[in-house]
Amino acid sequence: CVVVPLEGDEVLTYSSTQAPAKHQRMIAHVLGIPEHKVVCKAKRLGGGFGGKETRGVFLNCAAAVPAFDLERPVRLCLDRDEDMQMTGHR
């Protein structure tokens, strides 16, 4: 995921998720800002019966904190082994 700080305490996040609204809600909560100041963009993902819905939210929040505090873009990317250990799924 990538989190980019914007003007006026807003953040823009790019994440592969089926539920950008959930990412928006959690990032806003973690940063202590209103939800309307978090913009989530996601590429279209195929089916998966919700498997990609919430698993990446922790990574997105972990990138949002330093991006917001340091006012610099932050990118976090897990390799396959780390992804499997943290989420337990492919």
Protein backbone atom coordinates (compact mmCIF):
# COMPACT_ATOMS: atom_id res chain seq x y z
CA CYS A 1 0.00 0.00 0.00
CA VAL A 2 0.95 3.63 -0.46
CA VAL A 3 -0.19 6.52 1.73
CA VAL A 4 0.36 10.10 0.58
CA PRO A 5 -0.29 13.11 2.84
CA LEU A 6 -2.24 15.94 1.22
CA GLU A 7 -3.05 19.52 2.17
CA GLY A 8 -5.32 20.25 5.12
CA ASP A 9 -4.57 17.09 7.12
CA GLU A 10 -5.94 14.88 4.34
CA VAL A 11 -4.38 11.59 3.24
CA LEU A 12 -4.64 9.59 0.03
CA THR A 13 -4.17 5.85 0.15
CA TYR A 14 -3.75 3.30 -2.61
CA SER A 15 -4.48 -0.23 -1.48
CA SER A 16 -5.59 -3.53 -2.93
CA THR A 17 -8.84 -4.11 -1.10
CA GLN A 18 -12.45 -4.99 -1.77
CA ALA A 19 -13.58 -2.62 0.98
CA PRO A 20 -12.04 0.85 0.65
CA ALA A 21 -14.69 2.27 3.02
CA LYS A 22 -13.39 0.05 5.82
CA HIS A 23 -9.84 1.21 5.17
CA GLN A 24 -11.06 4.81 5.17
CA ARG A 25 -12.83 4.33 8.50
CA MET A 26 -9.87 2.63 10.21
CA ILE A 27 -7.25 5.07 8.94
CA ALA A 28 -9.37 8.02 10.06
CA HIS A 29 -9.76 6.39 13.48
CA VAL A 30 -6.02 5.70 13.86
CA LEU A 31 -5.06 9.23 12.77
CA GLY A 32 -7.84 10.92 14.76
CA ILE A 33 -9.22 12.78 11.75
CA PRO A 34 -12.68 12.80 10.15
CA GLU A 35 -13.38 10.10 7.55
CA HIS A 36 -13.94 12.65 4.81
CA LYS A 37 -10.25 13.59 5.04
CA VAL A 38 -9.16 10.09 3.99
CA VAL A 39 -9.36 9.25 0.28
CA CYS A 40 -9.01 5.56 -0.59
CA LYS A 41 -8.30 4.43 -4.12
CA ALA A 42 -8.20 0.78 -5.12
CA LYS A 43 -7.80 -1.07 -8.36
CA ARG A 44 -10.65 -3.39 -9.16
CA LEU A 45 -10.17 -6.83 -7.65
CA GLY A 46 -11.83 -10.02 -8.71
CA GLY A 47 -14.02 -12.25 -6.58
CA GLY A 48 -12.68 -13.94 -3.52
CA PHE A 49 -15.74 -14.01 -1.31
CA GLY A 50 -14.47 -11.23 0.95
CA GLY A 51 -11.00 -12.68 1.42
CA LYS A 52 -9.35 -9.40 0.46
CA GLU A 53 -11.81 -7.25 2.32
CA THR A 54 -10.09 -6.49 5.61
CA ARG A 55 -6.77 -8.34 5.70
CA GLY A 56 -4.72 -5.40 4.47
CA VAL A 57 -6.20 -2.73 6.72
CA PHE A 58 -3.49 -3.12 9.40
CA LEU A 59 -0.76 -2.52 6.83
CA ASN A 60 -2.56 0.53 5.47
CA CYS A 61 -2.91 1.97 8.99
CA ALA A 62 0.75 1.24 9.72
CA ALA A 63 1.73 3.26 6.63
CA ALA A 64 -0.72 6.08 7.39
CA VAL A 65 0.79 7.00 10.77
CA PRO A 66 4.31 7.91 9.61
CA ALA A 67 2.98 9.45 6.38
CA PHE A 68 0.68 11.72 8.38
CA ASP A 69 3.24 12.58 11.06
CA LEU A 70 6.22 13.12 8.74
CA GLU A 71 4.19 14.64 5.91
CA ARG A 72 5.88 12.33 3.41
CA PRO A 73 4.58 9.45 1.29
CA VAL A 74 5.05 5.98 2.77
CA ARG A 75 4.95 2.68 0.91
CA LEU A 76 4.80 -0.71 2.61
CA CYS A 77 4.98 -3.95 0.70
CA LEU A 78 5.06 -7.46 2.12
CA ASP A 79 6.78 -10.31 0.33
CA ARG A 80 4.82 -13.55 -0.05
CA ASP A 81 6.27 -15.18 3.10
CA GLU A 82 5.48 -12.15 5.27
CA ASP A 83 2.01 -11.90 3.78
CA MET A 84 1.26 -15.58 4.52
CA GLN A 85 2.59 -15.30 8.09
CA MET A 86 0.60 -12.17 8.89
CA THR A 87 -2.70 -12.95 7.19
CA GLY A 88 -2.70 -16.74 7.02
CA HIS A 89 -4.09 -16.70 3.48
CA ARG A 90 -2.91 -16.28 -0.09
